Protein backbone atom coordinates (compact mmCIF):
# COMPACT_ATOMS: atom_id res chain seq x y z
CA UNK A 1 -0.01 0.00 0.00
CA UNK A 2 2.89 2.34 0.69
CA UNK A 3 3.92 2.19 -3.00
CA UNK A 4 0.39 3.29 -3.98
CA UNK A 5 0.59 6.48 -1.93
CA UNK A 6 3.05 8.50 -4.03
CA UNK A 7 2.08 6.93 -7.35
CA UNK A 8 -1.60 7.82 -7.21
CA UNK A 9 -1.41 10.72 -4.76
CA UNK A 10 -3.53 8.84 -2.23
CA UNK A 11 -2.56 10.36 1.12
CA UNK A 12 -5.29 9.96 3.72
CA UNK A 13 -5.92 6.75 5.61
CA UNK A 14 -9.60 6.83 4.62
CA UNK A 15 -8.71 7.09 0.93
CA UNK A 16 -6.24 4.22 1.33
CA UNK A 17 -9.02 2.15 2.91
CA UNK A 18 -11.29 2.85 -0.04
CA UNK A 19 -8.44 2.05 -2.45
CA UNK A 20 -7.87 -1.32 -0.71
CA UNK A 21 -11.48 -2.26 -1.60
CA UNK A 22 -11.58 -0.83 -5.14
CA UNK A 23 -8.16 -1.31 -6.77
CA UNK A 24 -7.56 -4.88 -8.01
CA UNK A 25 -3.77 -4.57 -7.76
CA UNK A 26 -4.01 -3.49 -4.14
CA UNK A 27 -6.51 -6.26 -3.38
CA UNK A 28 -4.07 -8.78 -4.87
CA UNK A 29 -1.09 -7.34 -2.96
CA UNK A 30 -3.02 -7.41 0.32
CA UNK A 31 -4.25 -10.97 -0.38
CA UNK A 32 -7.87 -9.84 -0.13
CA UNK A 33 -7.39 -8.25 3.27
CA UNK A 34 -9.18 -4.97 3.69
CA UNK A 35 -7.76 -2.94 6.59
CA UNK A 36 -9.87 -0.14 8.03
CA UNK A 37 -8.58 3.44 8.16
CA UNK A 38 -7.63 3.18 11.85
CA UNK A 39 -5.36 0.18 11.18
CA UNK A 40 -3.74 2.03 8.28
CA UNK A 41 -3.29 5.22 10.34
CA UNK A 42 -1.74 3.27 13.23
CA UNK A 43 0.63 1.44 10.89
CA UNK A 44 1.73 4.70 9.25
CA UNK A 45 2.27 6.37 12.61
CA UNK A 46 4.36 3.49 13.99
CA UNK A 47 6.38 2.74 10.82
CA UNK A 48 8.16 5.82 9.56
CA UNK A 49 9.47 6.31 6.06
CA UNK A 50 12.74 4.51 5.29
CA UNK A 51 15.11 4.68 2.33
CA UNK A 52 17.56 2.07 1.11
CA UNK A 53 20.55 3.90 -0.37
CA UNK A 54 23.09 2.00 -2.47
CA UNK A 55 25.05 4.58 -4.45
CA UNK A 56 28.24 5.92 -2.79
CA UNK A 57 27.65 9.52 -3.86
CA UNK A 58 24.14 9.54 -2.45
CA UNK A 59 25.22 7.92 0.82
CA UNK A 60 27.96 10.51 1.28
CA UNK A 61 25.63 13.41 0.40
CA UNK A 62 22.89 12.25 2.78
CA UNK A 63 24.98 11.05 5.74
CA UNK A 64 28.41 12.63 5.41
CA UNK A 65 29.99 9.14 5.60
CA UNK A 66 32.05 7.37 2.96
CA UNK A 67 30.84 3.80 2.62
CA UNK A 68 32.97 0.75 1.90
CA UNK A 69 32.65 -1.01 -1.43
CA UNK A 70 29.39 -2.96 -1.52
CA UNK A 71 27.94 -1.24 1.56
CA UNK A 72 24.26 -0.27 1.62
CA UNK A 73 22.71 2.14 4.12
CA UNK A 74 19.17 2.05 5.46
CA UNK A 75 18.10 5.59 6.34
CA UNK A 76 15.09 6.84 8.25
CA UNK A 77 13.39 10.18 7.68
CA UNK A 78 12.21 11.78 10.90
CA UNK A 79 9.06 13.83 11.25
CA UNK A 80 11.16 16.98 11.30
CA UNK A 81 12.92 15.98 8.05
CA UNK A 82 16.18 14.87 9.61
CA UNK A 83 17.86 11.79 8.14
CA UNK A 84 19.43 9.18 10.41
CA UNK A 85 21.23 5.92 9.67
CA UNK A 86 19.24 2.91 10.86
CA UNK A 87 21.53 0.16 9.57
CA UNK A 88 24.61 -0.46 7.46
CA UNK A 89 24.59 -3.61 5.34
CA UNK A 90 27.70 -5.04 3.70
CA UNK A 91 26.92 -7.05 0.58
CA UNK A 92 29.66 -9.52 -0.36
CA UNK A 93 30.51 -9.55 -4.07
């Protein structure tokens, strides 16, 4: 459902609830579950936005750190717009 928010400009929890009952792709992704707006709102409040960053230039620009070769950063965007590093993942070649 989170991928449907920016793509179709569906922002409110009530509109996401309606979308979960109307849109066939969303119904398929949710395996025919139909969460109510309160469940969606609670999930969005608890789970903040996260970004998986793989490109060295982007990691350095966003965090000020220089990653090792094959390192991926998981970043979290706070409510005030600050970016913090949640995890660093080293992918073996």
